[in-house]
Amino acid sequence: MSHNLEHQKVHTRMVKEVLKAVARANNHPYQSVFADFITGHPSCTVPSF
C-alpha cells in the first residue's frame, strides 16, 4: 500500500470519528451530520461549552 493511500485511509477514519462525536454532541444522526459536512452546512460545528 502506498503512503498516500494509507494516509488517506487514516484521515478518512479520523474525519468519521470527529463527525460521530459531533453527531453525539448535537443529538443528530450521524448520516445527517455527514451529509451536512459534505455540503458545508454549519450544523457540523461542535457547540462551545
PDB file of N, CA and C in Angstrom:
ATOM      1  N   MET A   1       0.853  -1.180   0.000  1.00  0.00           N
ATOM      2  CA  MET A   1       0.000   0.000   0.000  1.00  0.00           C
ATOM      3  C   MET A   1       0.900   1.244   0.000  1.00  0.00           C
ATOM      4  N   SER A   2       0.558   2.187  -0.840  1.00  0.00           N
ATOM      5  CA  SER A   2       1.364   3.405  -0.897  1.00  0.00           C
ATOM      6  C   SER A   2       1.115   4.269   0.335  1.00  0.00           C
ATOM      7  N   HIS A   3       2.069   5.122   0.614  1.00  0.00           N
ATOM      8  CA  HIS A   3       1.936   6.013   1.772  1.00  0.00           C
ATOM      9  C   HIS A   3       0.713   6.906   1.623  1.00  0.00           C
ATOM     10  N   ASN A   4       0.474   7.432   0.420  1.00  0.00           N
ATOM     11  CA  ASN A   4      -0.657   8.338   0.221  1.00  0.00           C
ATOM     12  C   ASN A   4      -1.987   7.648   0.485  1.00  0.00           C
ATOM     13  N   LEU A   5      -2.126   6.415   0.020  1.00  0.00           N
ATOM     14  CA  LEU A   5      -3.367   5.681   0.242  1.00  0.00           C
ATOM     15  C   LEU A   5      -3.570   5.402   1.727  1.00  0.00           C
ATOM     16  N   GLU A   6      -2.511   5.015   2.402  1.00  0.00           N
ATOM     17  CA  GLU A   6      -2.618   4.759   3.844  1.00  0.00           C
ATOM     18  C   GLU A   6      -2.962   6.046   4.589  1.00  0.00           C
ATOM     19  N   HIS A   7      -2.334   7.147   4.204  1.00  0.00           N
ATOM     20  CA  HIS A   7      -2.615   8.443   4.827  1.00  0.00           C
ATOM     21  C   HIS A   7      -4.079   8.822   4.613  1.00  0.00           C
ATOM     22  N   GLN A   8      -4.582   8.590   3.410  1.00  0.00           N
ATOM     23  CA  GLN A   8      -5.977   8.913   3.107  1.00  0.00           C
ATOM     24  C   GLN A   8      -6.922   8.076   3.967  1.00  0.00           C
ATOM     25  N   LYS A   9      -6.606   6.801   4.149  1.00  0.00           N
ATOM     26  CA  LYS A   9      -7.460   5.939   4.976  1.00  0.00           C
ATOM     27  C   LYS A   9      -7.477   6.414   6.428  1.00  0.00           C
ATOM     28  N   VAL A  10      -6.312   6.779   6.947  1.00  0.00           N
ATOM     29  CA  VAL A  10      -6.230   7.270   8.327  1.00  0.00           C
ATOM     30  C   VAL A  10      -7.021   8.562   8.457  1.00  0.00           C
ATOM     31  N   HIS A  11      -6.867   9.456   7.500  1.00  0.00           N
ATOM     32  CA  HIS A  11      -7.576  10.736   7.537  1.00  0.00           C
ATOM     33  C   HIS A  11      -9.083  10.520   7.484  1.00  0.00           C
ATOM     34  N   THR A  12      -9.534   9.628   6.606  1.00  0.00           N
ATOM     35  CA  THR A  12     -10.963   9.335   6.490  1.00  0.00           C
ATOM     36  C   THR A  12     -11.508   8.792   7.804  1.00  0.00           C
ATOM     37  N   ARG A  13     -10.753   7.895   8.446  1.00  0.00           N
ATOM     38  CA  ARG A  13     -11.188   7.325   9.724  1.00  0.00           C
ATOM     39  C   ARG A  13     -11.277   8.413  10.796  1.00  0.00           C
ATOM     40  N   MET A  14     -10.313   9.331  10.808  1.00  0.00           N
ATOM     41  CA  MET A  14     -10.329  10.426  11.787  1.00  0.00           C
ATOM     42  C   MET A  14     -11.537  11.332  11.562  1.00  0.00           C
ATOM     43  N   VAL A  15     -11.814  11.654  10.306  1.00  0.00           N
ATOM     44  CA  VAL A  15     -12.957  12.513   9.991  1.00  0.00           C
ATOM     45  C   VAL A  15     -14.250  11.842  10.435  1.00  0.00           C
ATOM     46  N   LYS A  16     -14.382  10.541  10.178  1.00  0.00           N
ATOM     47  CA  LYS A  16     -15.587   9.823  10.597  1.00  0.00           C
ATOM     48  C   LYS A  16     -15.756   9.870  12.110  1.00  0.00           C
ATOM     49  N   GLU A  17     -14.665   9.689  12.853  1.00  0.00           N
ATOM     50  CA  GLU A  17     -14.749   9.728  14.314  1.00  0.00           C
ATOM     51  C   GLU A  17     -15.172  11.109  14.808  1.00  0.00           C
ATOM     52  N   VAL A  18     -14.629  12.141  14.196  1.00  0.00           N
ATOM     53  CA  VAL A  18     -14.998  13.508  14.595  1.00  0.00           C
ATOM     54  C   VAL A  18     -16.462  13.766  14.277  1.00  0.00           C
ATOM     55  N   LEU A  19     -16.915  13.367  13.095  1.00  0.00           N
ATOM     56  CA  LEU A  19     -18.316  13.583  12.733  1.00  0.00           C
ATOM     57  C   LEU A  19     -19.250  12.803  13.657  1.00  0.00           C
ATOM     58  N   LYS A  20     -18.845  11.610  14.062  1.00  0.00           N
ATOM     59  CA  LYS A  20     -19.660  10.843  15.012  1.00  0.00           C
ATOM     60  C   LYS A  20     -19.735  11.568  16.352  1.00  0.00           C
ATOM     61  N   ALA A  21     -18.628  12.154  16.793  1.00  0.00           N
ATOM     62  CA  ALA A  21     -18.619  12.908  18.050  1.00  0.00           C
ATOM     63  C   ALA A  21     -19.505  14.139  17.942  1.00  0.00           C
ATOM     64  N   VAL A  22     -19.456  14.822  16.799  1.00  0.00           N
ATOM     65  CA  VAL A  22     -20.316  15.993  16.585  1.00  0.00           C
ATOM     66  C   VAL A  22     -21.778  15.565  16.600  1.00  0.00           C
ATOM     67  N   ALA A  23     -22.077  14.443  15.963  1.00  0.00           N
ATOM     68  CA  ALA A  23     -23.452  13.940  15.937  1.00  0.00           C
ATOM     69  C   ALA A  23     -23.947  13.660  17.353  1.00  0.00           C
ATOM     70  N   ARG A  24     -23.101  13.020  18.167  1.00  0.00           N
ATOM     71  CA  ARG A  24     -23.495  12.736  19.555  1.00  0.00           C
ATOM     72  C   ARG A  24     -23.676  14.031  20.340  1.00  0.00           C
ATOM     73  N   ALA A  25     -22.758  14.976  20.174  1.00  0.00           N
ATOM     74  CA  ALA A  25     -22.811  16.227  20.939  1.00  0.00           C
ATOM     75  C   ALA A  25     -24.048  17.043  20.591  1.00  0.00           C
ATOM     76  N   ASN A  26     -24.481  16.956  19.337  1.00  0.00           N
ATOM     77  CA  ASN A  26     -25.625  17.759  18.891  1.00  0.00           C
ATOM     78  C   ASN A  26     -26.924  16.971  18.837  1.00  0.00           C
ATOM     79  N   ASN A  27     -26.888  15.705  19.265  1.00  0.00           N
ATOM     80  CA  ASN A  27     -28.068  14.834  19.199  1.00  0.00           C
ATOM     81  C   ASN A  27     -28.655  14.754  17.793  1.00  0.00           C
ATOM     82  N   HIS A  28     -27.771  14.614  16.805  1.00  0.00           N
ATOM     83  CA  HIS A  28     -28.191  14.439  15.416  1.00  0.00           C
ATOM     84  C   HIS A  28     -27.721  13.068  14.951  1.00  0.00           C
ATOM     85  N   PRO A  29     -28.466  12.453  14.024  1.00  0.00           N
ATOM     86  CA  PRO A  29     -27.980  11.184  13.470  1.00  0.00           C
ATOM     87  C   PRO A  29     -26.698  11.403  12.667  1.00  0.00           C
ATOM     88  N   TYR A  30     -25.801  10.437  12.727  1.00  0.00           N
ATOM     89  CA  TYR A  30     -24.515  10.547  12.028  1.00  0.00           C
ATOM     90  C   TYR A  30     -24.716  10.839  10.542  1.00  0.00           C
ATOM     91  N   GLN A  31     -25.670  10.152   9.908  1.00  0.00           N
ATOM     92  CA  GLN A  31     -25.859  10.322   8.460  1.00  0.00           C
ATOM     93  C   GLN A  31     -26.215  11.759   8.099  1.00  0.00           C
ATOM     94  N   SER A  32     -27.028  12.423   8.923  1.00  0.00           N
ATOM     95  CA  SER A  32     -27.382  13.808   8.605  1.00  0.00           C
ATOM     96  C   SER A  32     -26.196  14.737   8.832  1.00  0.00           C
ATOM     97  N   VAL A  33     -25.390  14.467   9.858  1.00  0.00           N
ATOM     98  CA  VAL A  33     -24.191  15.277  10.094  1.00  0.00           C
ATOM     99  C   VAL A  33     -23.204  15.072   8.948  1.00  0.00           C
ATOM    100  N   PHE A  34     -23.060  13.825   8.494  1.00  0.00           N
ATOM    101  CA  PHE A  34     -22.165  13.535   7.375  1.00  0.00           C
ATOM    102  C   PHE A  34     -22.629  14.272   6.120  1.00  0.00           C
ATOM    103  N   ALA A  35     -23.928  14.232   5.838  1.00  0.00           N
ATOM    104  CA  ALA A  35     -24.462  14.929   4.660  1.00  0.00           C
ATOM    105  C   ALA A  35     -24.228  16.430   4.773  1.00  0.00           C
ATOM    106  N   ASP A  36     -24.443  16.983   5.971  1.00  0.00           N
ATOM    107  CA  ASP A  36     -24.197  18.413   6.180  1.00  0.00           C
ATOM    108  C   ASP A  36     -22.720  18.744   5.998  1.00  0.00           C
ATOM    109  N   PHE A  37     -21.840  17.854   6.449  1.00  0.00           N
ATOM    110  CA  PHE A  37     -20.403  18.062   6.289  1.00  0.00           C
ATOM    111  C   PHE A  37     -20.036  18.131   4.806  1.00  0.00           C
ATOM    112  N   ILE A  38     -20.608  17.228   4.023  1.00  0.00           N
ATOM    113  CA  ILE A  38     -20.312  17.182   2.587  1.00  0.00           C
ATOM    114  C   ILE A  38     -20.783  18.467   1.907  1.00  0.00           C
ATOM    115  N   THR A  39     -21.944  18.981   2.321  1.00  0.00           N
ATOM    116  CA  THR A  39     -22.478  20.192   1.683  1.00  0.00           C
ATOM    117  C   THR A  39     -21.962  21.469   2.327  1.00  0.00           C
ATOM    118  N   GLY A  40     -21.235  21.341   3.440  1.00  0.00           N
ATOM    119  CA  GLY A  40     -20.686  22.524   4.103  1.00  0.00           C
ATOM    120  C   GLY A  40     -21.685  23.244   4.987  1.00  0.00           C
ATOM    121  N   HIS A  41     -22.704  22.535   5.448  1.00  0.00           N
ATOM    122  CA  HIS A  41     -23.736  23.131   6.306  1.00  0.00           C
ATOM    123  C   HIS A  41     -23.170  23.424   7.696  1.00  0.00           C
ATOM    124  N   PRO A  42     -23.565  24.532   8.311  1.00  0.00           N
ATOM    125  CA  PRO A  42     -22.984  24.915   9.614  1.00  0.00           C
ATOM    126  C   PRO A  42     -23.345  24.014  10.795  1.00  0.00           C
ATOM    127  N   SER A  43     -24.237  23.043  10.635  1.00  0.00           N
ATOM    128  CA  SER A  43     -24.564  22.167  11.767  1.00  0.00           C
ATOM    129  C   SER A  43     -23.392  21.260  12.120  1.00  0.00           C
ATOM    130  N   CYS A  44     -22.339  21.293  11.327  1.00  0.00           N
ATOM    131  CA  CYS A  44     -21.177  20.437  11.576  1.00  0.00           C
ATOM    132  C   CYS A  44     -20.170  21.092  12.495  1.00  0.00           C
ATOM    133  N   THR A  45     -20.615  22.003  13.303  1.00  0.00           N
ATOM    134  CA  THR A  45     -19.701  22.625  14.249  1.00  0.00           C
ATOM    135  C   THR A  45     -20.004  22.105  15.642  1.00  0.00           C
ATOM    136  N   VAL A  46     -18.990  21.963  16.434  1.00  0.00           N
ATOM    137  CA  VAL A  46     -19.161  21.499  17.806  1.00  0.00           C
ATOM    138  C   VAL A  46     -19.577  22.700  18.650  1.00  0.00           C
ATOM    139  N   PRO A  47     -20.622  22.547  19.452  1.00  0.00           N
ATOM    140  CA  PRO A  47     -21.034  23.681  20.288  1.00  0.00           C
ATOM    141  C   PRO A  47     -19.953  24.041  21.301  1.00  0.00           C
ATOM    142  N   SER A  48     -19.812  25.316  21.564  1.00  0.00           N
ATOM    143  CA  SER A  48     -18.834  25.728  22.577  1.00  0.00           C
ATOM    144  C   SER A  48     -19.470  25.609  23.948  1.00  0.00           C
ATOM    145  N   PHE A  49     -18.696  25.169  24.915  1.00  0.00           N
ATOM    146  CA  PHE A  49     -19.224  24.951  26.264  1.00  0.00           C
ATOM    147  C   PHE A  49     -18.730  26.002  27.209  1.00  0.00           C
TER     148      PHE A  49
END
